[in-house]
Amino acid sequence: LKGRLDTTTAPQLEAELKRDINGVERLVFDFINLEYLSSAG
């Protein structure tokens, strides 16, 4: 993730996860470029 995970962008991540998480046994998030995280994130 790059940028801000907030009220505006959280639905985008949620949609991506719903689409891609089936069959995943190991989910790794890299926050090296994440600048901000809100309660929505």
Full PDB file with SEQRES, HELIX, SHEET, SSBOND, CRYST1, ORIGX, SCALE, CONECT and MASTER records, all heavy atoms in Angstrom:
SEQRES   1 A   41  LEU LYS GLY ARG LEU ASP THR THR THR ALA PRO GLN LEU          
SEQRES   2 A   41  GLU ALA GLU LEU LYS ARG ASP ILE ASN GLY VAL GLU ARG          
SEQRES   3 A   41  LEU VAL PHE ASP PHE ILE ASN LEU GLU TYR LEU SER SER          
SEQRES   4 A   41  ALA GLY                                                      
HELIX    1 AA1 ALA A   10  ASP A   20  1                                  11    
SHEET    1 AA1 2 LYS A   2  LEU A   5  0                                        
SHEET    2 AA1 2 ASN A  33  LEU A  37  1                                        
CRYST1    1.000    1.000    1.000  90.00  90.00  90.00 P 1           1          
ORIGX1      1.000000  0.000000  0.000000        0.00000                         
ORIGX2      0.000000  1.000000  0.000000        0.00000                         
ORIGX3      0.000000  0.000000  1.000000        0.00000                         
SCALE1      1.000000  0.000000  0.000000        0.00000                         
SCALE2      0.000000  1.000000  0.000000        0.00000                         
SCALE3      0.000000  0.000000  1.000000        0.00000                         
ATOM      1  N   LEU A   1       0.846  -1.195   0.000  1.00  0.00           N  
ATOM      2  CA  LEU A   1       0.000   0.000   0.000  1.00  0.00           C  
ATOM      3  C   LEU A   1       0.881   1.245   0.000  1.00  0.00           C  
ATOM      4  O   LEU A   1       1.858   1.305   0.740  1.00  0.00           O  
ATOM      5  CB  LEU A   1      -0.898   0.010   1.234  1.00  0.00           C  
ATOM      6  CG  LEU A   1      -1.834  -1.186   1.402  1.00  0.00           C  
ATOM      7  CD1 LEU A   1      -2.634  -1.047   2.690  1.00  0.00           C  
ATOM      8  CD2 LEU A   1      -2.757  -1.329   0.219  1.00  0.00           C  
ATOM      9  N   LYS A   2       0.515   2.209  -0.828  1.00  0.00           N  
ATOM     10  CA  LYS A   2       1.246   3.474  -0.899  1.00  0.00           C  
ATOM     11  C   LYS A   2       0.274   4.617  -0.693  1.00  0.00           C  
ATOM     12  O   LYS A   2      -0.783   4.650  -1.317  1.00  0.00           O  
ATOM     13  CB  LYS A   2       1.923   3.632  -2.268  1.00  0.00           C  
ATOM     14  CG  LYS A   2       2.966   2.590  -2.554  1.00  0.00           C  
ATOM     15  CD  LYS A   2       3.569   2.787  -3.928  1.00  0.00           C  
ATOM     16  CE  LYS A   2       4.586   1.697  -4.204  1.00  0.00           C  
ATOM     17  NZ  LYS A   2       5.187   1.817  -5.529  1.00  0.00           N  
ATOM     18  N   GLY A   3       0.625   5.524   0.209  1.00  0.00           N  
ATOM     19  CA  GLY A   3      -0.228   6.693   0.434  1.00  0.00           C  
ATOM     20  C   GLY A   3      -0.980   6.612   1.741  1.00  0.00           C  
ATOM     21  O   GLY A   3      -0.412   6.292   2.773  1.00  0.00           O  
ATOM     22  N   ARG A   4      -2.288   6.874   1.667  1.00  0.00           N  
ATOM     23  CA  ARG A   4      -3.131   6.964   2.871  1.00  0.00           C  
ATOM     24  C   ARG A   4      -4.254   5.933   2.798  1.00  0.00           C  
ATOM     25  O   ARG A   4      -4.985   5.894   1.816  1.00  0.00           O  
ATOM     26  CB  ARG A   4      -3.729   8.362   2.967  1.00  0.00           C  
ATOM     27  CG  ARG A   4      -2.704   9.455   3.097  1.00  0.00           C  
ATOM     28  CD  ARG A   4      -3.318  10.838   2.962  1.00  0.00           C  
ATOM     29  NE  ARG A   4      -4.388  11.083   3.912  1.00  0.00           N  
ATOM     30  CZ  ARG A   4      -4.218  11.594   5.130  1.00  0.00           C  
ATOM     31  NH1 ARG A   4      -3.007  11.928   5.537  1.00  0.00           N  
ATOM     32  NH2 ARG A   4      -5.245  11.799   5.927  1.00  0.00           N  
ATOM     33  N   LEU A   5      -4.390   5.155   3.856  1.00  0.00           N  
ATOM     34  CA  LEU A   5      -5.509   4.226   3.975  1.00  0.00           C  
ATOM     35  C   LEU A   5      -6.504   4.872   4.936  1.00  0.00           C  
ATOM     36  O   LEU A   5      -6.331   4.855   6.153  1.00  0.00           O  
ATOM     37  CB  LEU A   5      -5.022   2.865   4.494  1.00  0.00           C  
ATOM     38  CG  LEU A   5      -6.083   1.775   4.676  1.00  0.00           C  
ATOM     39  CD1 LEU A   5      -6.899   1.570   3.416  1.00  0.00           C  
ATOM     40  CD2 LEU A   5      -5.421   0.482   5.115  1.00  0.00           C  
ATOM     41  N   ASP A   6      -7.521   5.505   4.352  1.00  0.00           N  
ATOM     42  CA  ASP A   6      -8.470   6.287   5.145  1.00  0.00           C  
ATOM     43  C   ASP A   6      -9.895   6.049   4.658  1.00  0.00           C  
ATOM     44  O   ASP A   6     -10.141   5.120   3.890  1.00  0.00           O  
ATOM     45  CB  ASP A   6      -8.095   7.773   5.119  1.00  0.00           C  
ATOM     46  CG  ASP A   6      -8.003   8.338   3.707  1.00  0.00           C  
ATOM     47  OD1 ASP A   6      -8.597   7.763   2.770  1.00  0.00           O  
ATOM     48  OD2 ASP A   6      -7.340   9.379   3.533  1.00  0.00           O  
ATOM     49  N   THR A   7     -10.806   6.891   5.091  1.00  0.00           N  
ATOM     50  CA  THR A   7     -12.214   6.740   4.744  1.00  0.00           C  
ATOM     51  C   THR A   7     -12.441   6.730   3.235  1.00  0.00           C  
ATOM     52  O   THR A   7     -13.304   6.006   2.735  1.00  0.00           O  
ATOM     53  CB  THR A   7     -13.039   7.886   5.370  1.00  0.00           C  
ATOM     54  OG1 THR A   7     -12.768   7.908   6.776  1.00  0.00           O  
ATOM     55  CG2 THR A   7     -14.517   7.703   5.148  1.00  0.00           C  
ATOM     56  N   THR A   8     -11.661   7.485   2.515  1.00  0.00           N  
ATOM     57  CA  THR A   8     -11.812   7.581   1.063  1.00  0.00           C  
ATOM     58  C   THR A   8     -11.273   6.342   0.355  1.00  0.00           C  
ATOM     59  O   THR A   8     -11.867   5.874  -0.617  1.00  0.00           O  
ATOM     60  CB  THR A   8     -11.065   8.830   0.539  1.00  0.00           C  
ATOM     61  OG1 THR A   8     -11.539   9.964   1.251  1.00  0.00           O  
ATOM     62  CG2 THR A   8     -11.281   9.023  -0.944  1.00  0.00           C  
ATOM     63  N   THR A   9     -10.153   5.795   0.837  1.00  0.00           N  
ATOM     64  CA  THR A   9      -9.476   4.706   0.121  1.00  0.00           C  
ATOM     65  C   THR A   9      -9.757   3.310   0.685  1.00  0.00           C  
ATOM     66  O   THR A   9      -9.535   2.323  -0.006  1.00  0.00           O  
ATOM     67  CB  THR A   9      -7.955   4.948   0.117  1.00  0.00           C  
ATOM     68  OG1 THR A   9      -7.484   5.022   1.472  1.00  0.00           O  
ATOM     69  CG2 THR A   9      -7.607   6.223  -0.634  1.00  0.00           C  
ATOM     70  N   ALA A  10     -10.257   3.228   1.908  1.00  0.00           N  
ATOM     71  CA  ALA A  10     -10.522   1.913   2.518  1.00  0.00           C  
ATOM     72  C   ALA A  10     -11.484   1.054   1.678  1.00  0.00           C  
ATOM     73  O   ALA A  10     -11.248  -0.151   1.531  1.00  0.00           O  
ATOM     74  CB  ALA A  10     -11.038   2.082   3.939  1.00  0.00           C  
ATOM     75  N   PRO A  11     -12.552   1.631   1.106  1.00  0.00           N  
ATOM     76  CA  PRO A  11     -13.442   0.803   0.279  1.00  0.00           C  
ATOM     77  C   PRO A  11     -12.728   0.181  -0.929  1.00  0.00           C  
ATOM     78  O   PRO A  11     -13.059  -0.929  -1.342  1.00  0.00           O  
ATOM     79  CB  PRO A  11     -14.527   1.789  -0.176  1.00  0.00           C  
ATOM     80  CG  PRO A  11     -14.540   2.846   0.882  1.00  0.00           C  
ATOM     81  CD  PRO A  11     -13.099   2.982   1.302  1.00  0.00           C  
ATOM     82  N   GLN A  12     -11.739   0.874  -1.458  1.00  0.00           N  
ATOM     83  CA  GLN A  12     -10.963   0.340  -2.586  1.00  0.00           C  
ATOM     84  C   GLN A  12     -10.198  -0.911  -2.153  1.00  0.00           C  
ATOM     85  O   GLN A  12     -10.226  -1.941  -2.830  1.00  0.00           O  
ATOM     86  CB  GLN A  12      -9.993   1.413  -3.095  1.00  0.00           C  
ATOM     87  CG  GLN A  12      -9.088   0.944  -4.209  1.00  0.00           C  
ATOM     88  CD  GLN A  12      -8.007   1.972  -4.548  1.00  0.00           C  
ATOM     89  OE1 GLN A  12      -7.934   3.046  -3.966  1.00  0.00           O  
ATOM     90  NE2 GLN A  12      -7.166   1.612  -5.489  1.00  0.00           N  
ATOM     91  N   LEU A  13      -9.522  -0.838  -1.004  1.00  0.00           N  
ATOM     92  CA  LEU A  13      -8.786  -1.995  -0.501  1.00  0.00           C  
ATOM     93  C   LEU A  13      -9.748  -3.128  -0.163  1.00  0.00           C  
ATOM     94  O   LEU A  13      -9.486  -4.294  -0.475  1.00  0.00           O  
ATOM     95  CB  LEU A  13      -7.946  -1.622   0.725  1.00  0.00           C  
ATOM     96  CG  LEU A  13      -7.185  -2.781   1.370  1.00  0.00           C  
ATOM     97  CD1 LEU A  13      -6.208  -3.421   0.388  1.00  0.00           C  
ATOM     98  CD2 LEU A  13      -6.461  -2.306   2.627  1.00  0.00           C  
ATOM     99  N   GLU A  14     -10.867  -2.800   0.447  1.00  0.00           N  
ATOM    100  CA  GLU A  14     -11.861  -3.810   0.809  1.00  0.00           C  
ATOM    101  C   GLU A  14     -12.354  -4.558  -0.436  1.00  0.00           C  
ATOM    102  O   GLU A  14     -12.460  -5.790  -0.434  1.00  0.00           O  
ATOM    103  CB  GLU A  14     -13.026  -3.148   1.533  1.00  0.00           C  
ATOM    104  CG  GLU A  14     -14.014  -4.118   2.115  1.00  0.00           C  
ATOM    105  CD  GLU A  14     -15.038  -3.415   2.996  1.00  0.00           C  
ATOM    106  OE1 GLU A  14     -15.436  -2.278   2.684  1.00  0.00           O  
ATOM    107  OE2 GLU A  14     -15.424  -4.018   3.999  1.00  0.00           O  
ATOM    108  N   ALA A  15     -12.618  -3.836  -1.509  1.00  0.00           N  
ATOM    109  CA  ALA A  15     -13.082  -4.453  -2.757  1.00  0.00           C  
ATOM    110  C   ALA A  15     -12.004  -5.354  -3.356  1.00  0.00           C  
ATOM    111  O   ALA A  15     -12.294  -6.459  -3.830  1.00  0.00           O  
ATOM    112  CB  ALA A  15     -13.486  -3.366  -3.754  1.00  0.00           C  
ATOM    113  N   GLU A  16     -10.765  -4.894  -3.330  1.00  0.00           N  
ATOM    114  CA  GLU A  16      -9.652  -5.697  -3.864  1.00  0.00           C  
ATOM    115  C   GLU A  16      -9.507  -6.992  -3.072  1.00  0.00           C  
ATOM    116  O   GLU A  16      -9.294  -8.062  -3.646  1.00  0.00           O  
ATOM    117  CB  GLU A  16      -8.343  -4.908  -3.796  1.00  0.00           C  
ATOM    118  CG  GLU A  16      -8.319  -3.662  -4.653  1.00  0.00           C  
ATOM    119  CD  GLU A  16      -7.869  -3.920  -6.079  1.00  0.00           C  
ATOM    120  OE1 GLU A  16      -7.331  -5.010  -6.355  1.00  0.00           O  
ATOM    121  OE2 GLU A  16      -8.059  -3.018  -6.911  1.00  0.00           O  
ATOM    122  N   LEU A  17      -9.601  -6.890  -1.752  1.00  0.00           N  
ATOM    123  CA  LEU A  17      -9.466  -8.082  -0.907  1.00  0.00           C  
ATOM    124  C   LEU A  17     -10.603  -9.069  -1.158  1.00  0.00           C  
ATOM    125  O   LEU A  17     -10.363 -10.272  -1.280  1.00  0.00           O  
ATOM    126  CB  LEU A  17      -9.421  -7.693   0.567  1.00  0.00           C  
ATOM    127  CG  LEU A  17      -8.110  -7.090   1.048  1.00  0.00           C  
ATOM    128  CD1 LEU A  17      -8.263  -6.511   2.448  1.00  0.00           C  
ATOM    129  CD2 LEU A  17      -6.988  -8.124   1.017  1.00  0.00           C  
ATOM    130  N   LYS A  18     -11.823  -8.579  -1.233  1.00  0.00           N  
ATOM    131  CA  LYS A  18     -12.964  -9.465  -1.471  1.00  0.00           C  
ATOM    132  C   LYS A  18     -12.799 -10.225  -2.784  1.00  0.00           C  
ATOM    133  O   LYS A  18     -13.168 -11.391  -2.884  1.00  0.00           O  
ATOM    134  CB  LYS A  18     -14.275  -8.672  -1.473  1.00  0.00           C  
ATOM    135  CG  LYS A  18     -14.748  -8.315  -0.090  1.00  0.00           C  
ATOM    136  CD  LYS A  18     -16.076  -7.594  -0.115  1.00  0.00           C  
ATOM    137  CE  LYS A  18     -16.504  -7.264   1.308  1.00  0.00           C  
ATOM    138  NZ  LYS A  18     -17.755  -6.515   1.348  1.00  0.00           N  
ATOM    139  N   ARG A  19     -12.237  -9.552  -3.766  1.00  0.00           N  
ATOM    140  CA  ARG A  19     -12.063 -10.161  -5.074  1.00  0.00           C  
ATOM    141  C   ARG A  19     -10.935 -11.198  -5.073  1.00  0.00           C  
ATOM    142  O   ARG A  19     -11.017 -12.208  -5.763  1.00  0.00           O  
ATOM    143  CB  ARG A  19     -11.785  -9.086  -6.130  1.00  0.00           C  
ATOM    144  CG  ARG A  19     -11.779  -9.640  -7.546  1.00  0.00           C  
ATOM    145  CD  ARG A  19     -11.625  -8.590  -8.616  1.00  0.00           C  
ATOM    146  NE  ARG A  19     -10.299  -8.004  -8.564  1.00  0.00           N  
ATOM    147  CZ  ARG A  19     -10.047  -6.708  -8.461  1.00  0.00           C  
ATOM    148  NH1 ARG A  19     -11.045  -5.851  -8.371  1.00  0.00           N  
ATOM    149  NH2 ARG A  19      -8.824  -6.250  -8.430  1.00  0.00           N  
ATOM    150  N   ASP A  20      -9.887 -10.966  -4.289  1.00  0.00           N  
ATOM    151  CA  ASP A  20      -8.676 -11.773  -4.414  1.00  0.00           C  
ATOM    152  C   ASP A  20      -8.373 -12.718  -3.250  1.00  0.00           C  
ATOM    153  O   ASP A  20      -7.447 -13.509  -3.340  1.00  0.00           O  
ATOM    154  CB  ASP A  20      -7.459 -10.849  -4.590  1.00  0.00           C  
ATOM    155  CG  ASP A  20      -7.525 -10.065  -5.885  1.00  0.00           C  
ATOM    156  OD1 ASP A  20      -8.087 -10.577  -6.866  1.00  0.00           O  
ATOM    157  OD2 ASP A  20      -7.005  -8.938  -5.911  1.00  0.00           O  
ATOM    158  N   ILE A  21      -9.119 -12.660  -2.153  1.00  0.00           N  
ATOM    159  CA  ILE A  21      -8.707 -13.381  -0.948  1.00  0.00           C  
ATOM    160  C   ILE A  21      -9.081 -14.874  -0.954  1.00  0.00           C  
ATOM    161  O   ILE A  21      -8.492 -15.659  -0.221  1.00  0.00           O  
ATOM    162  CB  ILE A  21      -9.244 -12.671   0.320  1.00  0.00           C  
ATOM    163  CG1 ILE A  21      -8.357 -13.003   1.512  1.00  0.00           C  
ATOM    164  CG2 ILE A  21     -10.702 -13.017   0.554  1.00  0.00           C  
ATOM    165  CD1 ILE A  21      -8.564 -12.088   2.693  1.00  0.00           C  
ATOM    166  N   ASN A  22     -10.011 -15.267  -1.802  1.00  0.00           N  
ATOM    167  CA  ASN A  22     -10.392 -16.677  -1.861  1.00  0.00           C  
ATOM    168  C   ASN A  22      -9.187 -17.543  -2.245  1.00  0.00           C  
ATOM    169  O   ASN A  22      -8.497 -17.258  -3.217  1.00  0.00           O  
ATOM    170  CB  ASN A  22     -11.526 -16.912  -2.858  1.00  0.00           C  
ATOM    171  CG  ASN A  22     -12.852 -16.405  -2.337  1.00  0.00           C  
ATOM    172  OD1 ASN A  22     -13.032 -16.242  -1.130  1.00  0.00           O  
ATOM    173  ND2 ASN A  22     -13.777 -16.147  -3.237  1.00  0.00           N  
ATOM    174  N   GLY A  23      -8.957 -18.585  -1.461  1.00  0.00           N  
ATOM    175  CA  GLY A  23      -7.856 -19.495  -1.744  1.00  0.00           C  
ATOM    176  C   GLY A  23      -6.508 -19.046  -1.228  1.00  0.00           C  
ATOM    177  O   GLY A  23      -5.511 -19.766  -1.362  1.00  0.00           O  
ATOM    178  N   VAL A  24      -6.443 -17.858  -0.653  1.00  0.00           N  
ATOM    179  CA  VAL A  24      -5.179 -17.341  -0.125  1.00  0.00           C  
ATOM    180  C   VAL A  24      -4.925 -17.964   1.248  1.00  0.00           C  
ATOM    181  O   VAL A  24      -5.790 -17.954   2.112  1.00  0.00           O  
ATOM    182  CB  VAL A  24      -5.211 -15.796  -0.015  1.00  0.00           C  
ATOM    183  CG1 VAL A  24      -3.995 -15.269   0.721  1.00  0.00           C  
ATOM    184  CG2 VAL A  24      -5.309 -15.180  -1.394  1.00  0.00           C  
ATOM    185  N   GLU A  25      -3.732 -18.520   1.420  1.00  0.00           N  
ATOM    186  CA  GLU A  25      -3.349 -19.107   2.703  1.00  0.00           C  
ATOM    187  C   GLU A  25      -2.371 -18.212   3.469  1.00  0.00           C  
ATOM    188  O   GLU A  25      -2.198 -18.356   4.667  1.00  0.00           O  
ATOM    189  CB  GLU A  25      -2.718 -20.490   2.486  1.00  0.00           C  
ATOM    190  CG  GLU A  25      -3.710 -21.485   1.919  1.00  0.00           C  
ATOM    191  CD  GLU A  25      -3.070 -22.803   1.544  1.00  0.00           C  
ATOM    192  OE1 GLU A  25      -1.887 -23.031   1.868  1.00  0.00           O  
ATOM    193  OE2 GLU A  25      -3.762 -23.621   0.903  1.00  0.00           O  
ATOM    194  N   ARG A  26      -1.736 -17.307   2.734  1.00  0.00           N  
ATOM    195  CA  ARG A  26      -0.789 -16.379   3.362  1.00  0.00           C  
ATOM    196  C   ARG A  26      -0.968 -15.008   2.715  1.00  0.00           C  
ATOM    197  O   ARG A  26      -0.735 -14.839   1.526  1.00  0.00           O  
ATOM    198  CB  ARG A  26       0.639 -16.875   3.161  1.00  0.00           C  
ATOM    199  CG  ARG A  26       1.669 -16.076   3.920  1.00  0.00           C  
ATOM    200  CD  ARG A  26       2.997 -16.848   3.924  1.00  0.00           C  
ATOM    201  NE  ARG A  26       3.871 -16.333   4.954  1.00  0.00           N  
ATOM    202  CZ  ARG A  26       4.941 -15.587   4.704  1.00  0.00           C  
ATOM    203  NH1 ARG A  26       5.279 -15.302   3.469  1.00  0.00           N  
ATOM    204  NH2 ARG A  26       5.683 -15.152   5.692  1.00  0.00           N  
ATOM    205  N   LEU A  27      -1.411 -14.051   3.520  1.00  0.00           N  
ATOM    206  CA  LEU A  27      -1.635 -12.682   3.060  1.00  0.00           C  
ATOM    207  C   LEU A  27      -0.595 -11.791   3.722  1.00  0.00           C  
ATOM    208  O   LEU A  27      -0.496 -11.752   4.946  1.00  0.00           O  
ATOM    209  CB  LEU A  27      -3.046 -12.221   3.439  1.00  0.00           C  
ATOM    210  CG  LEU A  27      -3.425 -10.777   3.147  1.00  0.00           C  
ATOM    211  CD1 LEU A  27      -3.323 -10.473   1.657  1.00  0.00           C  
ATOM    212  CD2 LEU A  27      -4.832 -10.493   3.651  1.00  0.00           C  
ATOM    213  N   VAL A  28       0.205 -11.113   2.902  1.00  0.00           N  
ATOM    214  CA  VAL A  28       1.272 -10.252   3.421  1.00  0.00           C  
ATOM    215  C   VAL A  28       1.035  -8.825   2.939  1.00  0.00           C  
ATOM    216  O   VAL A  28       0.948  -8.573   1.737  1.00  0.00           O  
ATOM    217  CB  VAL A  28       2.666 -10.739   2.961  1.00  0.00           C  
ATOM    218  CG1 VAL A  28       3.756  -9.823   3.496  1.00  0.00           C  
ATOM    219  CG2 VAL A  28       2.909 -12.180   3.378  1.00  0.00           C  
ATOM    220  N   PHE A  29       0.918  -7.914   3.893  1.00  0.00           N  
ATOM    221  CA  PHE A  29       0.818  -6.490   3.585  1.00  0.00           C  
ATOM    222  C   PHE A  29       2.191  -5.860   3.799  1.00  0.00           C  
ATOM    223  O   PHE A  29       2.823  -6.092   4.825  1.00  0.00           O  
ATOM    224  CB  PHE A  29      -0.168  -5.781   4.521  1.00  0.00           C  
ATOM    225  CG  PHE A  29      -1.607  -6.024   4.199  1.00  0.00           C  
ATOM    226  CD1 PHE A  29      -2.333  -6.961   4.929  1.00  0.00           C  
ATOM    227  CD2 PHE A  29      -2.240  -5.312   3.196  1.00  0.00           C  
ATOM    228  CE1 PHE A  29      -3.669  -7.180   4.656  1.00  0.00           C  
ATOM    229  CE2 PHE A  29      -3.574  -5.531   2.920  1.00  0.00           C  
ATOM    230  CZ  PHE A  29      -4.292  -6.467   3.643  1.00  0.00           C  
ATOM    231  N   ASP A  30       2.622  -5.034   2.852  1.00  0.00           N  
ATOM    232  CA  ASP A  30       3.852  -4.261   3.005  1.00  0.00           C  
ATOM    233  C   ASP A  30       3.447  -2.799   3.159  1.00  0.00           C  
ATOM    234  O   ASP A  30       2.866  -2.201   2.268  1.00  0.00           O  
ATOM    235  CB  ASP A  30       4.748  -4.441   1.786  1.00  0.00           C  
ATOM    236  CG  ASP A  30       6.126  -3.828   1.977  1.00  0.00           C  
ATOM    237  OD1 ASP A  30       6.298  -3.010   2.904  1.00  0.00           O  
ATOM    238  OD2 ASP A  30       7.029  -4.163   1.203  1.00  0.00           O  
ATOM    239  N   PHE A  31       3.749  -2.235   4.342  1.00  0.00           N  
ATOM    240  CA  PHE A  31       3.369  -0.855   4.658  1.00  0.00           C  
ATOM    241  C   PHE A  31       4.533   0.111   4.515  1.00  0.00           C  
ATOM    242  O   PHE A  31       4.483   1.219   5.044  1.00  0.00           O  
ATOM    243  CB  PHE A  31       2.828  -0.780   6.089  1.00  0.00           C  
ATOM    244  CG  PHE A  31       1.404  -1.247   6.245  1.00  0.00           C  
ATOM    245  CD1 PHE A  31       0.717  -1.870   5.220  1.00  0.00           C  
ATOM    246  CD2 PHE A  31       0.747  -1.055   7.443  1.00  0.00           C  
ATOM    247  CE1 PHE A  31      -0.595  -2.293   5.384  1.00  0.00           C  
ATOM    248  CE2 PHE A  31      -0.572  -1.466   7.628  1.00  0.00           C  
ATOM    249  CZ  PHE A  31      -1.242  -2.083   6.597  1.00  0.00           C  
ATOM    250  N   ILE A  32       5.596  -0.270   3.796  1.00  0.00           N  
ATOM    251  CA  ILE A  32       6.794   0.568   3.680  1.00  0.00           C  
ATOM    252  C   ILE A  32       6.454   1.971   3.173  1.00  0.00           C  
ATOM    253  O   ILE A  32       7.073   2.955   3.599  1.00  0.00           O  
ATOM    254  CB  ILE A  32       7.868  -0.108   2.782  1.00  0.00           C  
ATOM    255  CG1 ILE A  32       9.183   0.643   2.837  1.00  0.00           C  
ATOM    256  CG2 ILE A  32       7.413  -0.237   1.337  1.00  0.00           C  
ATOM    257  CD1 ILE A  32      10.068   0.258   3.962  1.00  0.00           C  
ATOM    258  N   ASN A  33       5.455   2.081   2.305  1.00  0.00           N  
ATOM    259  CA  ASN A  33       5.092   3.379   1.737  1.00  0.00           C  
ATOM    260  C   ASN A  33       3.717   3.874   2.180  1.00  0.00           C  
ATOM    261  O   ASN A  33       3.142   4.756   1.553  1.00  0.00           O  
ATOM    262  CB  ASN A  33       5.151   3.312   0.200  1.00  0.00           C  
ATOM    263  CG  ASN A  33       6.558   3.138  -0.297  1.00  0.00           C  
ATOM    264  OD1 ASN A  33       7.450   3.900   0.060  1.00  0.00           O  
ATOM    265  ND2 ASN A  33       6.781   2.108  -1.098  1.00  0.00           N  
ATOM    266  N   LEU A  34       3.199   3.283   3.267  1.00  0.00           N  
ATOM    267  CA  LEU A  34       1.914   3.740   3.801  1.00  0.00           C  
ATOM    268  C   LEU A  34       2.168   4.887   4.770  1.00  0.00           C  
ATOM    269  O   LEU A  34       2.918   4.748   5.726  1.00  0.00           O  
ATOM    270  CB  LEU A  34       1.174   2.596   4.510  1.00  0.00           C  
ATOM    271  CG  LEU A  34      -0.258   2.914   4.922  1.00  0.00           C  
ATOM    272  CD1 LEU A  34      -1.145   3.123   3.687  1.00  0.00           C  
ATOM    273  CD2 LEU A  34      -0.824   1.805   5.790  1.00  0.00           C  
ATOM    274  N   GLU A  35       1.546   6.030   4.499  1.00  0.00           N  
ATOM    275  CA  GLU A  35       1.802   7.244   5.282  1.00  0.00           C  
ATOM    276  C   GLU A  35       0.813   7.451   6.424  1.00  0.00           C  
ATOM    277  O   GLU A  35       1.137   8.078   7.426  1.00  0.00           O  
ATOM    278  CB  GLU A  35       1.730   8.462   4.356  1.00  0.00           C  
ATOM    279  CG  GLU A  35       2.731   8.410   3.221  1.00  0.00           C  
ATOM    280  CD  GLU A  35       2.382   9.373   2.102  1.00  0.00           C  
ATOM    281  OE1 GLU A  35       1.385  10.124   2.215  1.00  0.00           O  
ATOM    282  OE2 GLU A  35       3.107   9.361   1.097  1.00  0.00           O  
ATOM    283  N   TYR A  36      -0.415   6.927   6.254  1.00  0.00           N  
ATOM    284  CA  TYR A  36      -1.475   7.240   7.218  1.00  0.00           C  
ATOM    285  C   TYR A  36      -2.472   6.094   7.253  1.00  0.00           C  
ATOM    286  O   TYR A  36      -2.756   5.464   6.234  1.00  0.00           O  
ATOM    287  CB  TYR A  36      -2.185   8.536   6.795  1.00  0.00           C  
ATOM    288  CG  TYR A  36      -3.348   8.908   7.666  1.00  0.00           C  
ATOM    289  CD1 TYR A  36      -3.152   9.511   8.907  1.00  0.00           C  
ATOM    290  CD2 TYR A  36      -4.651   8.652   7.254  1.00  0.00           C  
ATOM    291  CE1 TYR A  36      -4.236   9.847   9.713  1.00  0.00           C  
ATOM    292  CE2 TYR A  36      -5.736   8.992   8.057  1.00  0.00           C  
ATOM    293  CZ  TYR A  36      -5.517   9.584   9.277  1.00  0.00           C  
ATOM    294  OH  TYR A  36      -6.578   9.916  10.073  1.00  0.00           O  
ATOM    295  N   LEU A  37      -3.018   5.847   8.440  1.00  0.00           N  
ATOM    296  CA  LEU A  37      -4.003   4.793   8.623  1.00  0.00           C  
ATOM    297  C   LEU A  37      -5.114   5.310   9.534  1.00  0.00           C  
ATOM    298  O   LEU A  37      -4.841   5.745  10.655  1.00  0.00           O  
ATOM    299  CB  LEU A  37      -3.334   3.566   9.258  1.00  0.00           C  
ATOM    300  CG  LEU A  37      -4.205   2.375   9.608  1.00  0.00           C  
ATOM    301  CD1 LEU A  37      -4.793   1.747   8.350  1.00  0.00           C  
ATOM    302  CD2 LEU A  37      -3.391   1.350  10.376  1.00  0.00           C  
ATOM    303  N   SER A  38      -6.349   5.294   9.042  1.00  0.00           N  
ATOM    304  CA  SER A  38      -7.491   5.769   9.845  1.00  0.00           C  
ATOM    305  C   SER A  38      -8.273   4.589  10.396  1.00  0.00           C  
ATOM    306  O   SER A  38      -7.981   3.428  10.112  1.00  0.00           O  
ATOM    307  CB  SER A  38      -8.411   6.631   8.977  1.00  0.00           C  
ATOM    308  OG  SER A  38      -9.177   5.800   8.118  1.00  0.00           O  
ATOM    309  N   SER A  39      -9.323   4.897  11.139  1.00  0.00           N  
ATOM    310  CA  SER A  39     -10.176   3.843  11.696  1.00  0.00           C  
ATOM    311  C   SER A  39     -10.851   3.032  10.589  1.00  0.00           C  
ATOM    312  O   SER A  39     -11.079   1.831  10.754  1.00  0.00           O  
ATOM    313  CB  SER A  39     -11.222   4.440  12.635  1.00  0.00           C  
ATOM    314  OG  SER A  39     -12.029   5.367  11.948  1.00  0.00           O  
ATOM    315  N   ALA A  40     -11.142   3.659   9.467  1.00  0.00           N  
ATOM    316  CA  ALA A  40     -11.727   2.926   8.339  1.00  0.00           C  
ATOM    317  C   ALA A  40     -10.735   1.899   7.803  1.00  0.00           C  
ATOM    318  O   ALA A  40     -11.114   0.776   7.452  1.00  0.00           O  
ATOM    319  CB  ALA A  40     -12.144   3.889   7.230  1.00  0.00           C  
ATOM    320  N   GLY A  41      -9.473   2.259   7.764  1.00  0.00           N  
ATOM    321  CA  GLY A  41      -8.432   1.323   7.348  1.00  0.00           C  
ATOM    322  C   GLY A  41      -8.264   0.196   8.348  1.00  0.00           C  
ATOM    323  O   GLY A  41      -8.081  -0.968   7.967  1.00  0.00           O  
TER     324      GLY A  41                                                      
MASTER        0    0    0    1    2    0    0    6  323    1    0    4          
END                                                                             
